[in-house]
Amino acid sequence: MRSAMAMLVGLLACAVSLGAQVGDTVAYPTTVRYDADSTTVTYCVAQGWRSGFGLGIPGPLSIKTTAGPTTTVTSQTLASGALTPVVARDVLLIGTVSKVTDVFTAGWAAVITAKSDDDTVTVDPAVTWDAGYAYTYLHPVCGTTANDGWVDVSGAEKASLTIQYDQGDLDNLSWRFECKQNTPGSVPITVYPSEGDDCGIAGTLAGGFCDFATAGPTANLTWEEFGAWGSCRIGFKVKTTDTSDAGAALERVTGSIAVTRATGD
């Protein structure tokens, strides 16, 4: 039986240098507090990731809150369209992103749950940005086909695939890790789970997926893949039902693929 190493990984960590003998590791977020609603297997990559400081795609103008903490974020200048490029499920980021500080705990990040217009969005969690800030954002690009959600791991010594189910009311969050070669005609191969895998502390093996029945601090798993693959991805779905997205029932699914490549002998 293969064993799974369950750990909570800081998904908004930046490039981490591990030394020449071990290699350099860069973590690529696939989803960040994503609201999982579909019963079809979905694959995502968070567009806009840049290693180091200055994370995300730059927004056109500054944004603010009024009398925060609040879940309403607006353009700092009335009717300026500062929020034109963003959509629901995008992640807003302000200020300088630390390599070690959780940006949500620090009040520097929020996920868009709804967009009213190009000047007003609703976010989770509530934030206090009353002073007005320039912002950047991450945009999850998701799909359900054989071509979606891939992260390049070619030449890697190791790829560490992580999923977290931190909040929500799903009957089960079902997920699997897949890899493939970067050659014509290559098909996705499920590298985890396989028959006999344990699915971590909170998971249950069912029908080729690991199921997390309950969100929380133990509903997470990291699988370290040492195979010589070209690309890997994380697939997830709602097993049957999503009763509500109100309050603590709003799903928060976070994933990442950390790629370690050698830097020398």
C-alpha atoms as a PDB file:
ATOM      1  CA  MET A   1       0.000   0.000   0.000  1.00  0.00           C
ATOM      2  CA  ARG A   2       1.294   3.415  -0.843  1.00  0.00           C
ATOM      3  CA  SER A   3       1.066   5.881   2.001  1.00  0.00           C
ATOM      4  CA  ALA A   4      -0.055   9.482   1.647  1.00  0.00           C
ATOM      5  CA  MET A   5       1.573  12.372   3.520  1.00  0.00           C
ATOM      6  CA  ALA A   6      -1.180  14.648   4.797  1.00  0.00           C
ATOM      7  CA  MET A   7      -0.152  18.221   5.459  1.00  0.00           C
ATOM      8  CA  LEU A   8      -1.548  21.696   5.206  1.00  0.00           C
ATOM      9  CA  VAL A   9       0.475  23.629   2.634  1.00  0.00           C
ATOM     10  CA  GLY A  10       0.534  27.437   2.295  1.00  0.00           C
ATOM     11  CA  LEU A  11      -0.752  27.770  -1.242  1.00  0.00           C
ATOM     12  CA  LEU A  12       0.278  31.342  -1.653  1.00  0.00           C
ATOM     13  CA  ALA A  13       3.901  30.602  -0.811  1.00  0.00           C
ATOM     14  CA  CYS A  14       6.376  31.835  -3.397  1.00  0.00           C
ATOM     15  CA  ALA A  15       9.465  30.238  -4.963  1.00  0.00           C
ATOM     16  CA  VAL A  16      11.507  28.408  -2.344  1.00  0.00           C
ATOM     17  CA  SER A  17      15.187  27.752  -2.963  1.00  0.00           C
ATOM     18  CA  LEU A  18      16.241  24.414  -1.481  1.00  0.00           C
ATOM     19  CA  GLY A  19      19.884  24.394  -2.566  1.00  0.00           C
ATOM     20  CA  ALA A  20      21.744  22.966  -5.527  1.00  0.00           C
ATOM     21  CA  GLN A  21      21.745  19.344  -4.421  1.00  0.00           C
ATOM     22  CA  VAL A  22      18.030  19.241  -3.704  1.00  0.00           C
ATOM     23  CA  GLY A  23      16.815  21.650  -6.360  1.00  0.00           C
ATOM     24  CA  ASP A  24      14.610  24.697  -6.663  1.00  0.00           C
ATOM     25  CA  THR A  25      10.906  24.317  -5.860  1.00  0.00           C
ATOM     26  CA  VAL A  26       8.166  26.538  -7.256  1.00  0.00           C
ATOM     27  CA  ALA A  27       4.552  26.041  -6.161  1.00  0.00           C
ATOM     28  CA  TYR A  28       1.824  26.776  -8.710  1.00  0.00           C
ATOM     29  CA  PRO A  29      -1.681  27.348  -7.291  1.00  0.00           C
ATOM     30  CA  THR A  30      -4.401  25.485  -9.160  1.00  0.00           C
ATOM     31  CA  THR A  31      -7.314  26.752  -7.063  1.00  0.00           C
ATOM     32  CA  VAL A  32      -7.453  29.223  -4.156  1.00  0.00           C
ATOM     33  CA  ARG A  33     -10.508  28.919  -1.867  1.00  0.00           C
ATOM     34  CA  TYR A  34     -12.471  27.780  -4.906  1.00  0.00           C
ATOM     35  CA  ASP A  35     -16.260  27.392  -4.650  1.00  0.00           C
ATOM     36  CA  ALA A  36     -16.750  23.842  -5.957  1.00  0.00           C
ATOM     37  CA  ASP A  37     -20.280  23.404  -7.356  1.00  0.00           C
ATOM     38  CA  SER A  38     -20.044  20.907 -10.223  1.00  0.00           C
ATOM     39  CA  THR A  39     -20.581  17.137 -10.154  1.00  0.00           C
ATOM     40  CA  THR A  40     -18.341  16.904 -13.252  1.00  0.00           C
ATOM     41  CA  VAL A  41     -14.611  16.475 -12.654  1.00  0.00           C
ATOM     42  CA  THR A  42     -13.023  19.930 -12.995  1.00  0.00           C
ATOM     43  CA  TYR A  43      -9.380  20.862 -13.563  1.00  0.00           C
ATOM     44  CA  CYS A  44      -7.971  24.356 -12.884  1.00  0.00           C
ATOM     45  CA  VAL A  45      -4.833  26.477 -13.037  1.00  0.00           C
ATOM     46  CA  ALA A  46      -4.674  29.889 -11.357  1.00  0.00           C
ATOM     47  CA  GLN A  47      -3.670  32.315 -14.111  1.00  0.00           C
ATOM     48  CA  GLY A  48      -1.499  35.229 -13.025  1.00  0.00           C
ATOM     49  CA  TRP A  49       0.896  33.410 -10.735  1.00  0.00           C
ATOM     50  CA  ARG A  50       4.333  34.999 -10.577  1.00  0.00           C
ATOM     51  CA  SER A  51       7.034  33.700  -8.264  1.00  0.00           C
ATOM     52  CA  GLY A  52       8.274  36.063  -5.560  1.00  0.00           C
ATOM     53  CA  PHE A  53       6.730  39.385  -4.667  1.00  0.00           C
ATOM     54  CA  GLY A  54       4.261  41.253  -6.866  1.00  0.00           C
ATOM     55  CA  LEU A  55       1.871  38.324  -7.115  1.00  0.00           C
ATOM     56  CA  GLY A  56      -0.935  38.315  -9.699  1.00  0.00           C
ATOM     57  CA  ILE A  57      -2.245  40.177 -12.729  1.00  0.00           C
ATOM     58  CA  PRO A  58      -2.235  43.967 -12.153  1.00  0.00           C
ATOM     59  CA  GLY A  59      -5.675  45.572 -11.908  1.00  0.00           C
ATOM     60  CA  PRO A  60      -6.251  48.780 -13.909  1.00  0.00           C
ATOM     61  CA  LEU A  61      -7.111  51.129 -11.001  1.00  0.00           C
ATOM     62  CA  SER A  62      -7.340  51.177  -7.204  1.00  0.00           C
ATOM     63  CA  ILE A  63     -10.121  49.602  -5.152  1.00  0.00           C
ATOM     64  CA  LYS A  64     -11.465  50.202  -1.638  1.00  0.00           C
ATOM     65  CA  THR A  65     -13.996  49.313   1.013  1.00  0.00           C
ATOM     66  CA  THR A  66     -16.212  51.654   3.018  1.00  0.00           C
ATOM     67  CA  ALA A  67     -16.433  51.205   6.801  1.00  0.00           C
ATOM     68  CA  GLY A  68     -14.721  47.833   6.746  1.00  0.00           C
ATOM     69  CA  PRO A  69     -14.609  45.042   7.591  1.00  0.00           C
ATOM     70  CA  THR A  70     -17.135  44.423   4.848  1.00  0.00           C
ATOM     71  CA  THR A  71     -17.749  41.976   2.026  1.00  0.00           C
ATOM     72  CA  THR A  72     -18.342  44.778  -0.509  1.00  0.00           C
ATOM     73  CA  VAL A  73     -15.353  46.062  -2.512  1.00  0.00           C
ATOM     74  CA  THR A  74     -15.709  48.971  -4.949  1.00  0.00           C
ATOM     75  CA  SER A  75     -13.659  51.112  -7.291  1.00  0.00           C
ATOM     76  CA  GLN A  76     -11.831  53.794  -5.322  1.00  0.00           C
ATOM     77  CA  THR A  77     -12.974  56.374  -7.861  1.00  0.00           C
ATOM     78  CA  LEU A  78     -16.709  56.263  -8.578  1.00  0.00           C
ATOM     79  CA  ALA A  79     -17.635  54.728 -11.955  1.00  0.00           C
ATOM     80  CA  SER A  80     -13.983  54.228 -12.954  1.00  0.00           C
ATOM     81  CA  GLY A  81     -14.368  50.533 -13.786  1.00  0.00           C
ATOM     82  CA  ALA A  82     -11.480  49.438 -11.574  1.00  0.00           C
ATOM     83  CA  LEU A  83     -12.967  45.929 -11.322  1.00  0.00           C
ATOM     84  CA  THR A  84     -13.644  45.475 -15.044  1.00  0.00           C
ATOM     85  CA  PRO A  85     -11.285  42.512 -15.642  1.00  0.00           C
ATOM     86  CA  VAL A  86     -12.279  40.348 -12.667  1.00  0.00           C
ATOM     87  CA  VAL A  87     -15.058  37.776 -12.293  1.00  0.00           C
ATOM     88  CA  ALA A  88     -16.483  35.510  -9.592  1.00  0.00           C
ATOM     89  CA  ARG A  89     -13.910  33.087  -8.097  1.00  0.00           C
ATOM     90  CA  ASP A  90     -11.002  35.436  -8.885  1.00  0.00           C
ATOM     91  CA  VAL A  91      -8.727  36.257  -5.945  1.00  0.00           C
ATOM     92  CA  LEU A  92      -8.075  39.935  -5.165  1.00  0.00           C
ATOM     93  CA  LEU A  93      -4.677  40.745  -3.633  1.00  0.00           C
ATOM     94  CA  ILE A  94      -3.421  44.057  -2.243  1.00  0.00           C
ATOM     95  CA  GLY A  95      -0.053  45.269  -1.005  1.00  0.00           C
ATOM     96  CA  THR A  96       3.149  43.264  -0.842  1.00  0.00           C
ATOM     97  CA  VAL A  97       2.662  39.526  -0.501  1.00  0.00           C
ATOM     98  CA  SER A  98       4.943  37.887   2.059  1.00  0.00           C
ATOM     99  CA  LYS A  99       6.533  34.522   1.374  1.00  0.00           C
ATOM    100  CA  VAL A 100       5.442  33.217   4.780  1.00  0.00           C
ATOM    101  CA  THR A 101       2.355  35.156   5.895  1.00  0.00           C
ATOM    102  CA  ASP A 102      -1.099  33.809   5.033  1.00  0.00           C
ATOM    103  CA  VAL A 103      -2.576  36.588   2.922  1.00  0.00           C
ATOM    104  CA  PHE A 104      -6.158  35.894   3.992  1.00  0.00           C
ATOM    105  CA  THR A 105      -5.335  35.978   7.709  1.00  0.00           C
ATOM    106  CA  ALA A 106      -3.384  39.206   7.159  1.00  0.00           C
ATOM    107  CA  GLY A 107      -6.355  40.810   5.384  1.00  0.00           C
ATOM    108  CA  TRP A 108      -4.523  41.196   2.078  1.00  0.00           C
ATOM    109  CA  ALA A 109      -6.659  38.838  -0.016  1.00  0.00           C
ATOM    110  CA  ALA A 110     -10.292  37.987  -0.718  1.00  0.00           C
ATOM    111  CA  VAL A 111     -12.132  35.760  -3.185  1.00  0.00           C
ATOM    112  CA  ILE A 112     -14.857  37.295  -5.350  1.00  0.00           C
ATOM    113  CA  THR A 113     -18.159  35.502  -4.740  1.00  0.00           C
ATOM    114  CA  ALA A 114     -20.331  37.750  -6.924  1.00  0.00           C
ATOM    115  CA  LYS A 115     -19.906  40.693  -9.294  1.00  0.00           C
ATOM    116  CA  SER A 116     -22.577  43.400  -9.522  1.00  0.00           C
ATOM    117  CA  ASP A 117     -20.842  45.537 -12.154  1.00  0.00           C
ATOM    118  CA  ASP A 118     -17.393  46.815 -13.108  1.00  0.00           C
ATOM    119  CA  ASP A 119     -17.262  48.899  -9.919  1.00  0.00           C
ATOM    120  CA  THR A 120     -18.678  46.552  -7.273  1.00  0.00           C
ATOM    121  CA  VAL A 121     -17.976  42.989  -6.148  1.00  0.00           C
ATOM    122  CA  THR A 122     -18.834  40.840  -3.140  1.00  0.00           C
ATOM    123  CA  VAL A 123     -15.936  39.011  -1.519  1.00  0.00           C
ATOM    124  CA  ASP A 124     -15.082  36.354   1.053  1.00  0.00           C
ATOM    125  CA  PRO A 125     -13.826  36.992   3.691  1.00  0.00           C
ATOM    126  CA  ALA A 126     -14.755  40.503   4.791  1.00  0.00           C
ATOM    127  CA  VAL A 127     -11.852  42.951   4.469  1.00  0.00           C
ATOM    128  CA  THR A 128     -10.891  46.468   5.545  1.00  0.00           C
ATOM    129  CA  TRP A 129      -9.405  48.287   2.564  1.00  0.00           C
ATOM    130  CA  ASP A 130     -10.867  51.728   3.353  1.00  0.00           C
ATOM    131  CA  ALA A 131      -7.624  53.571   2.493  1.00  0.00           C
ATOM    132  CA  GLY A 132      -7.808  52.409  -1.125  1.00  0.00           C
ATOM    133  CA  TYR A 133      -5.229  50.146  -2.736  1.00  0.00           C
ATOM    134  CA  ALA A 134      -3.826  49.132  -6.068  1.00  0.00           C
ATOM    135  CA  TYR A 135      -4.561  45.456  -6.567  1.00  0.00           C
ATOM    136  CA  THR A 136      -3.555  42.351  -8.454  1.00  0.00           C
ATOM    137  CA  TYR A 137      -5.602  39.231  -8.987  1.00  0.00           C
ATOM    138  CA  LEU A 138      -5.435  35.504  -9.689  1.00  0.00           C
ATOM    139  CA  HIS A 139      -7.863  34.078 -12.224  1.00  0.00           C
ATOM    140  CA  PRO A 140      -8.669  30.344 -12.080  1.00  0.00           C
ATOM    141  CA  VAL A 141      -8.884  28.914 -15.603  1.00  0.00           C
ATOM    142  CA  CYS A 142     -10.968  25.745 -15.307  1.00  0.00           C
ATOM    143  CA  GLY A 143     -12.394  23.085 -17.586  1.00  0.00           C
ATOM    144  CA  THR A 144     -13.513  19.480 -17.781  1.00  0.00           C
ATOM    145  CA  THR A 145     -11.652  18.163 -20.837  1.00  0.00           C
ATOM    146  CA  ALA A 146      -8.436  16.216 -21.377  1.00  0.00           C
ATOM    147  CA  ASN A 147      -6.689  19.510 -22.182  1.00  0.00           C
ATOM    148  CA  ASP A 148      -7.530  21.447 -19.001  1.00  0.00           C
ATOM    149  CA  GLY A 149      -5.637  22.189 -15.801  1.00  0.00           C
ATOM    150  CA  TRP A 150      -2.156  20.967 -16.682  1.00  0.00           C
ATOM    151  CA  VAL A 151       1.023  22.208 -14.967  1.00  0.00           C
ATOM    152  CA  ASP A 152       4.350  21.517 -16.692  1.00  0.00           C
ATOM    153  CA  VAL A 153       6.525  19.177 -14.601  1.00  0.00           C
ATOM    154  CA  SER A 154       8.928  18.096 -17.355  1.00  0.00           C
ATOM    155  CA  GLY A 155      12.474  17.592 -16.107  1.00  0.00           C
ATOM    156  CA  ALA A 156      11.338  17.688 -12.475  1.00  0.00           C
ATOM    157  CA  GLU A 157      12.904  15.565  -9.776  1.00  0.00           C
ATOM    158  CA  LYS A 158       9.600  15.639  -7.906  1.00  0.00           C
ATOM    159  CA  ALA A 159       6.089  17.012  -8.229  1.00  0.00           C
ATOM    160  CA  SER A 160       4.097  17.514  -5.011  1.00  0.00           C
ATOM    161  CA  LEU A 161       0.334  17.685  -5.600  1.00  0.00           C
ATOM    162  CA  THR A 162      -1.748  19.111  -2.757  1.00  0.00           C
ATOM    163  CA  ILE A 163      -5.482  19.545  -2.191  1.00  0.00           C
ATOM    164  CA  GLN A 164      -7.284  21.121   0.780  1.00  0.00           C
ATOM    165  CA  TYR A 165     -11.005  21.159   1.572  1.00  0.00           C
ATOM    166  CA  ASP A 166     -11.137  23.851   4.227  1.00  0.00           C
ATOM    167  CA  GLN A 167     -14.817  24.799   4.313  1.00  0.00           C
ATOM    168  CA  GLY A 168     -18.156  23.764   2.818  1.00  0.00           C
ATOM    169  CA  ASP A 169     -21.214  21.562   3.100  1.00  0.00           C
ATOM    170  CA  LEU A 170     -20.745  19.060   0.249  1.00  0.00           C
ATOM    171  CA  ASP A 171     -21.794  15.471   0.805  1.00  0.00           C
ATOM    172  CA  ASN A 172     -18.262  14.665  -0.412  1.00  0.00           C
ATOM    173  CA  LEU A 173     -15.480  16.454  -2.246  1.00  0.00           C
ATOM    174  CA  SER A 174     -14.122  13.831  -4.642  1.00  0.00           C
ATOM    175  CA  TRP A 175     -10.634  14.311  -6.112  1.00  0.00           C
ATOM    176  CA  ARG A 176      -7.745  12.607  -7.889  1.00  0.00           C
ATOM    177  CA  PHE A 177      -4.250  13.465  -9.139  1.00  0.00           C
ATOM    178  CA  GLU A 178      -3.355  12.861 -12.792  1.00  0.00           C
ATOM    179  CA  CYS A 179      -0.182  13.073 -14.913  1.00  0.00           C
ATOM    180  CA  LYS A 180       0.721  12.506 -18.567  1.00  0.00           C
ATOM    181  CA  GLN A 181       3.587  12.712 -21.017  1.00  0.00           C
ATOM    182  CA  ASN A 182       3.966  15.788 -23.214  1.00  0.00           C
ATOM    183  CA  THR A 183       3.863  13.771 -26.421  1.00  0.00           C
ATOM    184  CA  PRO A 184       1.186  13.490 -29.133  1.00  0.00           C
ATOM    185  CA  GLY A 185      -1.632  11.142 -28.179  1.00  0.00           C
ATOM    186  CA  SER A 186      -0.676  10.905 -24.482  1.00  0.00           C
ATOM    187  CA  VAL A 187      -3.660  10.414 -22.187  1.00  0.00           C
ATOM    188  CA  PRO A 188      -4.092  11.349 -18.509  1.00  0.00           C
ATOM    189  CA  ILE A 189      -3.076   8.659 -16.014  1.00  0.00           C
ATOM    190  CA  THR A 190      -4.389   8.690 -12.437  1.00  0.00           C
ATOM    191  CA  VAL A 191      -1.292   8.573 -10.229  1.00  0.00           C
ATOM    192  CA  TYR A 192      -3.273   8.883  -6.997  1.00  0.00           C
ATOM    193  CA  PRO A 193      -5.334   7.207  -5.721  1.00  0.00           C
ATOM    194  CA  SER A 194      -4.985   3.643  -6.946  1.00  0.00           C
ATOM    195  CA  GLU A 195      -6.406   0.454  -5.504  1.00  0.00           C
ATOM    196  CA  GLY A 196      -5.363   0.119  -1.876  1.00  0.00           C
ATOM    197  CA  ASP A 197      -4.399   3.753  -1.285  1.00  0.00           C
ATOM    198  CA  ASP A 198      -5.459   5.200   2.063  1.00  0.00           C
ATOM    199  CA  CYS A 199      -6.517   8.734   1.000  1.00  0.00           C
ATOM    200  CA  GLY A 200      -4.998  10.286   4.132  1.00  0.00           C
ATOM    201  CA  ILE A 201      -6.475  10.900   7.555  1.00  0.00           C
ATOM    202  CA  ALA A 202      -9.857  12.243   6.423  1.00  0.00           C
ATOM    203  CA  GLY A 203     -10.239  10.573   3.035  1.00  0.00           C
ATOM    204  CA  THR A 204     -12.039   7.460   1.791  1.00  0.00           C
ATOM    205  CA  LEU A 205     -11.220   5.584  -1.420  1.00  0.00           C
ATOM    206  CA  ALA A 206     -14.323   5.284  -3.616  1.00  0.00           C
ATOM    207  CA  GLY A 207     -14.653   4.589  -7.342  1.00  0.00           C
ATOM    208  CA  GLY A 208     -11.199   5.815  -8.351  1.00  0.00           C
ATOM    209  CA  PHE A 209     -11.411   8.991  -6.261  1.00  0.00           C
ATOM    210  CA  CYS A 210     -10.539  10.021  -2.734  1.00  0.00           C
ATOM    211  CA  ASP A 211     -13.566  11.478  -0.940  1.00  0.00           C
ATOM    212  CA  PHE A 212     -13.464  14.089   1.798  1.00  0.00           C
ATOM    213  CA  ALA A 213     -16.838  13.881   3.539  1.00  0.00           C
ATOM    214  CA  THR A 214     -16.196  16.767   5.930  1.00  0.00           C
ATOM    215  CA  ALA A 215     -14.253  19.984   5.446  1.00  0.00           C
ATOM    216  CA  GLY A 216     -11.678  21.006   8.007  1.00  0.00           C
ATOM    217  CA  PRO A 217      -8.047  20.891   9.122  1.00  0.00           C
ATOM    218  CA  THR A 218      -7.574  17.176   8.370  1.00  0.00           C
ATOM    219  CA  ALA A 219      -9.243  17.271   4.937  1.00  0.00           C
ATOM    220  CA  ASN A 220      -6.018  17.768   3.007  1.00  0.00           C
ATOM    221  CA  LEU A 221      -3.433  15.591   1.331  1.00  0.00           C
ATOM    222  CA  THR A 222      -0.103  15.924  -0.450  1.00  0.00           C
ATOM    223  CA  TRP A 223       1.133  13.255  -2.842  1.00  0.00           C
ATOM    224  CA  GLU A 224       4.769  13.313  -3.948  1.00  0.00           C
ATOM    225  CA  GLU A 225       5.171  11.981  -7.482  1.00  0.00           C
ATOM    226  CA  PHE A 226       8.673  10.963  -8.603  1.00  0.00           C
ATOM    227  CA  GLY A 227       7.744   9.605 -12.022  1.00  0.00           C
ATOM    228  CA  ALA A 228       9.201  11.118 -15.200  1.00  0.00           C
ATOM    229  CA  TRP A 229       6.057  12.924 -16.340  1.00  0.00           C
ATOM    230  CA  GLY A 230       5.523  15.874 -18.663  1.00  0.00           C
ATOM    231  CA  SER A 231       2.515  17.485 -16.924  1.00  0.00           C
ATOM    232  CA  CYS A 232       0.297  16.892 -13.892  1.00  0.00           C
ATOM    233  CA  ARG A 233      -3.096  18.213 -12.743  1.00  0.00           C
ATOM    234  CA  ILE A 234      -5.658  17.991  -9.945  1.00  0.00           C
ATOM    235  CA  GLY A 235      -9.232  16.923 -10.654  1.00  0.00           C
ATOM    236  CA  PHE A 236     -12.101  17.498  -8.225  1.00  0.00           C
ATOM    237  CA  LYS A 237     -15.908  17.405  -8.146  1.00  0.00           C
ATOM    238  CA  VAL A 238     -18.944  17.491  -5.908  1.00  0.00           C
ATOM    239  CA  LYS A 239     -19.865  13.843  -5.421  1.00  0.00           C
ATOM    240  CA  THR A 240     -23.635  14.399  -5.246  1.00  0.00           C
ATOM    241  CA  THR A 241     -24.949  17.527  -3.521  1.00  0.00           C
ATOM    242  CA  ASP A 242     -24.027  21.095  -2.563  1.00  0.00           C
ATOM    243  CA  THR A 243     -26.845  22.264  -0.313  1.00  0.00           C
ATOM    244  CA  SER A 244     -25.899  25.913   0.157  1.00  0.00           C
ATOM    245  CA  ASP A 245     -23.202  28.535  -0.377  1.00  0.00           C
ATOM    246  CA  ALA A 246     -24.334  30.762   2.492  1.00  0.00           C
ATOM    247  CA  GLY A 247     -21.853  31.648   5.226  1.00  0.00           C
ATOM    248  CA  ALA A 248     -19.720  28.719   6.344  1.00  0.00           C
ATOM    249  CA  ALA A 249     -21.393  26.519   3.708  1.00  0.00           C
ATOM    250  CA  LEU A 250     -19.433  28.328   0.968  1.00  0.00           C
ATOM    251  CA  GLU A 251     -16.830  25.899  -0.344  1.00  0.00           C
ATOM    252  CA  ARG A 252     -13.133  26.659  -0.034  1.00  0.00           C
ATOM    253  CA  VAL A 253     -11.085  24.221  -2.103  1.00  0.00           C
ATOM    254  CA  THR A 254      -7.398  25.030  -2.483  1.00  0.00           C
ATOM    255  CA  GLY A 255      -4.882  23.143  -4.586  1.00  0.00           C
ATOM    256  CA  SER A 256      -1.300  23.470  -5.754  1.00  0.00           C
ATOM    257  CA  ILE A 257       1.414  21.627  -7.636  1.00  0.00           C
ATOM    258  CA  ALA A 258       4.948  22.231  -6.365  1.00  0.00           C
ATOM    259  CA  VAL A 259       7.649  21.355  -8.906  1.00  0.00           C
ATOM    260  CA  THR A 260      11.216  20.611  -7.804  1.00  0.00           C
ATOM    261  CA  ARG A 261      13.937  20.807 -10.466  1.00  0.00           C
ATOM    262  CA  ALA A 262      17.674  20.264  -9.998  1.00  0.00           C
ATOM    263  CA  THR A 263      19.898  23.342 -10.203  1.00  0.00           C
ATOM    264  CA  GLY A 264      23.250  21.570 -10.449  1.00  0.00           C
ATOM    265  CA  ASP A 265      25.357  18.784  -9.069  1.00  0.00           C
END
